C-alpha cells in the first residue's frame, strides 16, 4: 500500500495534478509512518518535495529533495541516491 500511495503522489506531481497530489499526501500522512519505515520516509521527502515545487514553493521543494538524497548518501545507499539524483535531473527538465 505504501508504494502505491508514494507512486500516486509522484505521478500526480509529474502531471501537475495538485488536487490529486494533495489527496495522496493526506493519505500518506494518515496511513504511515512507523519508526521502522525509514526508507519510505526518505522517499516520501522526495515525493513531497516535488509536490511543494509544483505548488510554487520551488526553493523549499528542491531543498527537501536534496536533503533526502543526502540522507541516502549518508546511509551509504549509493544506488538509491544515484537513482533519485538522476530522476531529479530528468524531472526538473520535464516540469520547466
N, C-alpha and C. Protein backbone atom coordinates (compact mmCIF):
# COMPACT_ATOMS: atom_id res chain seq x y z
N UNK A 1 0.83 -1.19 0.00
CA UNK A 1 0.00 0.00 0.00
C UNK A 1 0.88 1.26 0.00
N UNK A 2 1.96 1.22 0.77
CA UNK A 2 2.84 2.39 0.84
C UNK A 2 3.37 2.77 -0.53
N UNK A 3 3.81 1.78 -1.28
CA UNK A 3 4.37 2.06 -2.61
C UNK A 3 3.32 2.65 -3.54
N UNK A 4 2.10 2.15 -3.45
CA UNK A 4 1.02 2.66 -4.30
C UNK A 4 0.78 4.14 -4.01
N UNK A 5 0.70 4.48 -2.74
CA UNK A 5 0.46 5.88 -2.37
C UNK A 5 1.63 6.77 -2.79
N UNK A 6 2.86 6.31 -2.56
CA UNK A 6 4.02 7.11 -2.97
C UNK A 6 4.06 7.28 -4.49
N UNK A 7 3.81 6.21 -5.22
CA UNK A 7 3.80 6.31 -6.69
C UNK A 7 2.68 7.22 -7.17
N UNK A 8 1.54 7.19 -6.48
CA UNK A 8 0.45 8.09 -6.83
C UNK A 8 0.84 9.55 -6.65
N UNK A 9 1.55 9.84 -5.56
CA UNK A 9 2.00 11.21 -5.32
C UNK A 9 3.02 11.64 -6.37
N UNK A 10 3.98 10.75 -6.68
CA UNK A 10 4.95 11.07 -7.74
C UNK A 10 4.24 11.33 -9.07
N UNK A 11 3.32 10.46 -9.45
CA UNK A 11 2.63 10.58 -10.74
C UNK A 11 1.80 11.87 -10.79
N UNK A 12 1.09 12.16 -9.71
CA UNK A 12 0.26 13.37 -9.68
C UNK A 12 1.11 14.63 -9.80
N UNK A 13 2.28 14.66 -9.15
CA UNK A 13 3.12 15.85 -9.26
C UNK A 13 3.75 15.95 -10.64
N UNK A 14 4.09 14.81 -11.23
CA UNK A 14 4.65 14.83 -12.58
C UNK A 14 3.65 15.40 -13.58
N UNK A 15 2.37 15.10 -13.35
CA UNK A 15 1.32 15.58 -14.25
C UNK A 15 0.75 16.92 -13.80
N UNK A 16 1.34 17.49 -12.73
CA UNK A 16 0.90 18.77 -12.17
C UNK A 16 -0.59 18.76 -11.80
N UNK A 17 -1.05 17.63 -11.28
CA UNK A 17 -2.43 17.49 -10.81
C UNK A 17 -2.41 17.66 -9.29
N UNK A 18 -2.39 18.93 -8.88
CA UNK A 18 -2.13 19.25 -7.48
C UNK A 18 -3.24 18.81 -6.54
N UNK A 19 -4.47 18.79 -7.00
CA UNK A 19 -5.57 18.30 -6.16
C UNK A 19 -5.40 16.83 -5.84
N UNK A 20 -5.03 16.06 -6.84
CA UNK A 20 -4.79 14.63 -6.63
C UNK A 20 -3.54 14.43 -5.79
N UNK A 21 -2.52 15.24 -6.02
CA UNK A 21 -1.30 15.16 -5.20
C UNK A 21 -1.62 15.43 -3.73
N UNK A 22 -2.47 16.41 -3.47
CA UNK A 22 -2.86 16.72 -2.10
C UNK A 22 -3.59 15.54 -1.46
N UNK A 23 -4.42 14.85 -2.24
CA UNK A 23 -5.13 13.66 -1.75
C UNK A 23 -4.12 12.59 -1.33
N UNK A 24 -3.16 12.28 -2.22
CA UNK A 24 -2.17 11.25 -1.89
C UNK A 24 -1.33 11.68 -0.69
N UNK A 25 -0.98 12.96 -0.61
CA UNK A 25 -0.22 13.46 0.52
C UNK A 25 -0.97 13.23 1.83
N UNK A 26 -2.26 13.52 1.82
CA UNK A 26 -3.08 13.31 3.01
C UNK A 26 -3.16 11.83 3.37
N UNK A 27 -3.36 10.97 2.37
CA UNK A 27 -3.44 9.53 2.62
C UNK A 27 -2.13 9.00 3.20
N UNK A 28 -1.02 9.47 2.66
CA UNK A 28 0.29 9.03 3.17
C UNK A 28 0.44 9.43 4.63
N UNK A 29 0.12 10.67 4.94
CA UNK A 29 0.26 11.13 6.32
C UNK A 29 -0.69 10.43 7.27
N UNK A 30 -1.86 10.01 6.77
CA UNK A 30 -2.81 9.30 7.62
C UNK A 30 -2.45 7.83 7.82
N UNK A 31 -1.75 7.23 6.87
CA UNK A 31 -1.56 5.78 6.90
C UNK A 31 -0.13 5.30 7.14
N UNK A 32 0.84 6.15 7.16
CA UNK A 32 2.14 5.78 7.65
C UNK A 32 2.63 6.98 8.43
N UNK A 33 3.51 6.87 9.18
CA UNK A 33 4.76 6.17 9.19
C UNK A 33 4.99 5.57 10.56
N UNK A 34 5.62 4.41 10.55
CA UNK A 34 6.14 3.84 11.78
C UNK A 34 7.64 4.10 11.78
N UNK A 35 8.23 3.98 12.93
CA UNK A 35 9.66 4.26 13.06
C UNK A 35 10.51 3.42 12.11
N UNK A 36 10.09 2.18 11.86
CA UNK A 36 10.89 1.30 11.01
C UNK A 36 10.68 1.54 9.52
N UNK A 37 9.90 2.49 9.15
CA UNK A 37 9.64 2.83 7.75
C UNK A 37 10.59 3.92 7.26
N UNK A 38 11.82 3.88 7.68
CA UNK A 38 12.78 4.95 7.39
C UNK A 38 12.96 5.18 5.90
N UNK A 39 13.17 4.12 5.13
CA UNK A 39 13.36 4.28 3.68
C UNK A 39 12.14 4.95 3.06
N UNK A 40 10.95 4.52 3.47
CA UNK A 40 9.73 5.12 2.93
C UNK A 40 9.62 6.59 3.32
N UNK A 41 10.06 6.93 4.51
CA UNK A 41 10.04 8.33 4.92
C UNK A 41 10.95 9.18 4.03
N UNK A 42 12.12 8.61 3.69
CA UNK A 42 13.06 9.34 2.84
C UNK A 42 12.48 9.52 1.44
N UNK A 43 11.89 8.46 0.90
CA UNK A 43 11.27 8.55 -0.43
C UNK A 43 10.10 9.53 -0.39
N UNK A 44 9.35 9.52 0.71
CA UNK A 44 8.26 10.49 0.86
C UNK A 44 8.79 11.92 0.85
N UNK A 45 9.94 12.16 1.48
CA UNK A 45 10.53 13.51 1.45
C UNK A 45 10.74 13.97 0.01
N UNK A 46 11.17 13.04 -0.84
CA UNK A 46 11.41 13.37 -2.25
C UNK A 46 10.09 13.67 -2.95
N UNK A 47 9.11 12.79 -2.76
CA UNK A 47 7.80 13.00 -3.39
C UNK A 47 7.15 14.29 -2.90
N UNK A 48 7.22 14.53 -1.61
CA UNK A 48 6.63 15.75 -1.04
C UNK A 48 7.39 16.98 -1.52
N UNK A 49 8.70 16.86 -1.70
CA UNK A 49 9.48 17.97 -2.25
C UNK A 49 9.03 18.32 -3.66
N UNK A 50 8.74 17.30 -4.46
CA UNK A 50 8.22 17.55 -5.81
C UNK A 50 6.86 18.24 -5.72
N UNK A 51 6.04 17.79 -4.78
CA UNK A 51 4.72 18.39 -4.59
C UNK A 51 4.87 19.87 -4.22
N UNK A 52 5.76 20.17 -3.28
CA UNK A 52 6.00 21.56 -2.89
C UNK A 52 6.47 22.39 -4.08
N UNK A 53 7.38 21.83 -4.86
CA UNK A 53 7.92 22.52 -6.04
C UNK A 53 6.79 22.86 -7.00
N UNK A 54 5.91 21.90 -7.25
CA UNK A 54 4.80 22.12 -8.19
C UNK A 54 3.79 23.13 -7.66
N UNK A 55 3.70 23.26 -6.33
CA UNK A 55 2.79 24.23 -5.74
C UNK A 55 3.37 25.63 -5.74
N UNK A 56 4.61 25.77 -6.24
CA UNK A 56 5.23 27.09 -6.31
C UNK A 56 6.30 27.33 -5.26
N UNK A 57 6.46 26.40 -4.34
CA UNK A 57 7.48 26.53 -3.30
C UNK A 57 8.75 25.83 -3.79
N UNK A 58 9.30 26.36 -4.89
CA UNK A 58 10.39 25.69 -5.59
C UNK A 58 11.64 25.54 -4.73
N UNK A 59 12.05 26.60 -4.05
CA UNK A 59 13.28 26.54 -3.25
C UNK A 59 13.15 25.52 -2.12
N UNK A 60 12.02 25.57 -1.41
CA UNK A 60 11.80 24.63 -0.31
C UNK A 60 11.71 23.19 -0.84
N UNK A 61 11.01 23.01 -1.95
CA UNK A 61 10.87 21.68 -2.53
C UNK A 61 12.21 21.08 -2.93
N UNK A 62 13.04 21.88 -3.62
CA UNK A 62 14.36 21.39 -4.03
C UNK A 62 15.25 21.09 -2.83
N UNK A 63 15.18 21.94 -1.80
CA UNK A 63 15.97 21.69 -0.60
C UNK A 63 15.56 20.37 0.04
N UNK A 64 14.28 20.13 0.11
CA UNK A 64 13.79 18.90 0.73
C UNK A 64 14.23 17.67 -0.07
N UNK A 65 14.14 17.75 -1.39
CA UNK A 65 14.58 16.64 -2.25
C UNK A 65 16.07 16.39 -2.06
N UNK A 66 16.86 17.45 -2.11
CA UNK A 66 18.31 17.30 -1.96
C UNK A 66 18.70 16.81 -0.57
N UNK A 67 17.95 17.24 0.46
CA UNK A 67 18.20 16.74 1.82
C UNK A 67 17.96 15.23 1.87
N UNK A 68 16.89 14.77 1.23
CA UNK A 68 16.57 13.34 1.23
C UNK A 68 17.66 12.55 0.50
N UNK A 69 18.12 13.06 -0.62
CA UNK A 69 19.19 12.39 -1.36
C UNK A 69 20.47 12.36 -0.52
N UNK A 70 20.74 13.44 0.19
CA UNK A 70 21.91 13.50 1.08
C UNK A 70 21.80 12.44 2.18
N UNK A 71 20.61 12.25 2.72
CA UNK A 71 20.40 11.22 3.75
C UNK A 71 20.72 9.84 3.18
N UNK A 72 20.23 9.57 1.97
CA UNK A 72 20.53 8.28 1.34
C UNK A 72 22.04 8.09 1.19
N UNK A 73 22.73 9.15 0.77
CA UNK A 73 24.19 9.06 0.63
C UNK A 73 24.85 8.82 1.99
N UNK A 74 24.39 9.51 3.02
CA UNK A 74 24.96 9.35 4.35
C UNK A 74 24.77 7.94 4.88
N UNK A 75 23.70 7.28 4.45
CA UNK A 75 23.43 5.91 4.87
C UNK A 75 24.07 4.88 3.94
N UNK A 76 24.92 5.36 3.03
CA UNK A 76 25.59 4.51 2.04
C UNK A 76 24.63 3.76 1.13
N UNK A 77 23.49 4.36 0.87
CA UNK A 77 22.53 3.82 -0.10
C UNK A 77 22.84 4.48 -1.44
N UNK A 78 24.02 4.17 -1.96
CA UNK A 78 24.54 4.87 -3.13
C UNK A 78 23.69 4.66 -4.38
N UNK A 79 23.19 3.45 -4.59
CA UNK A 79 22.36 3.19 -5.77
C UNK A 79 21.05 3.98 -5.71
N UNK A 80 20.43 4.00 -4.54
CA UNK A 80 19.19 4.77 -4.39
C UNK A 80 19.46 6.26 -4.55
N UNK A 81 20.55 6.74 -3.96
CA UNK A 81 20.89 8.16 -4.09
C UNK A 81 21.12 8.53 -5.55
N UNK A 82 21.83 7.68 -6.28
CA UNK A 82 22.08 7.94 -7.70
C UNK A 82 20.78 7.90 -8.49
N UNK A 83 19.92 6.94 -8.18
CA UNK A 83 18.63 6.82 -8.87
C UNK A 83 17.81 8.10 -8.69
N UNK A 84 17.68 8.56 -7.44
CA UNK A 84 16.86 9.74 -7.19
C UNK A 84 17.53 11.02 -7.69
N UNK A 85 18.85 11.08 -7.70
CA UNK A 85 19.54 12.23 -8.28
C UNK A 85 19.28 12.32 -9.78
N UNK A 86 19.41 11.18 -10.46
CA UNK A 86 19.12 11.14 -11.90
C UNK A 86 17.66 11.48 -12.18
N UNK A 87 16.78 10.92 -11.37
CA UNK A 87 15.34 11.19 -11.54
C UNK A 87 15.04 12.67 -11.35
N UNK A 88 15.72 13.30 -10.38
CA UNK A 88 15.52 14.73 -10.13
C UNK A 88 15.92 15.54 -11.36
N UNK A 89 17.07 15.24 -11.94
CA UNK A 89 17.52 15.97 -13.13
C UNK A 89 16.51 15.83 -14.27
N UNK A 90 16.05 14.63 -14.52
CA UNK A 90 15.07 14.39 -15.59
C UNK A 90 13.76 15.10 -15.29
N UNK A 91 13.31 15.01 -14.05
CA UNK A 91 12.04 15.61 -13.66
C UNK A 91 12.09 17.13 -13.80
N UNK A 92 13.20 17.74 -13.38
CA UNK A 92 13.32 19.20 -13.50
C UNK A 92 13.25 19.65 -14.95
N UNK A 93 13.82 18.88 -15.86
CA UNK A 93 13.73 19.21 -17.29
C UNK A 93 12.30 19.12 -17.79
N UNK A 94 11.53 18.16 -17.25
CA UNK A 94 10.14 17.97 -17.68
C UNK A 94 9.21 19.06 -17.15
N UNK A 95 9.43 19.49 -15.91
CA UNK A 95 8.49 20.44 -15.30
C UNK A 95 8.76 21.89 -15.68
N UNK A 96 9.93 22.16 -16.20
CA UNK A 96 10.26 23.55 -16.57
C UNK A 96 9.92 23.84 -18.00
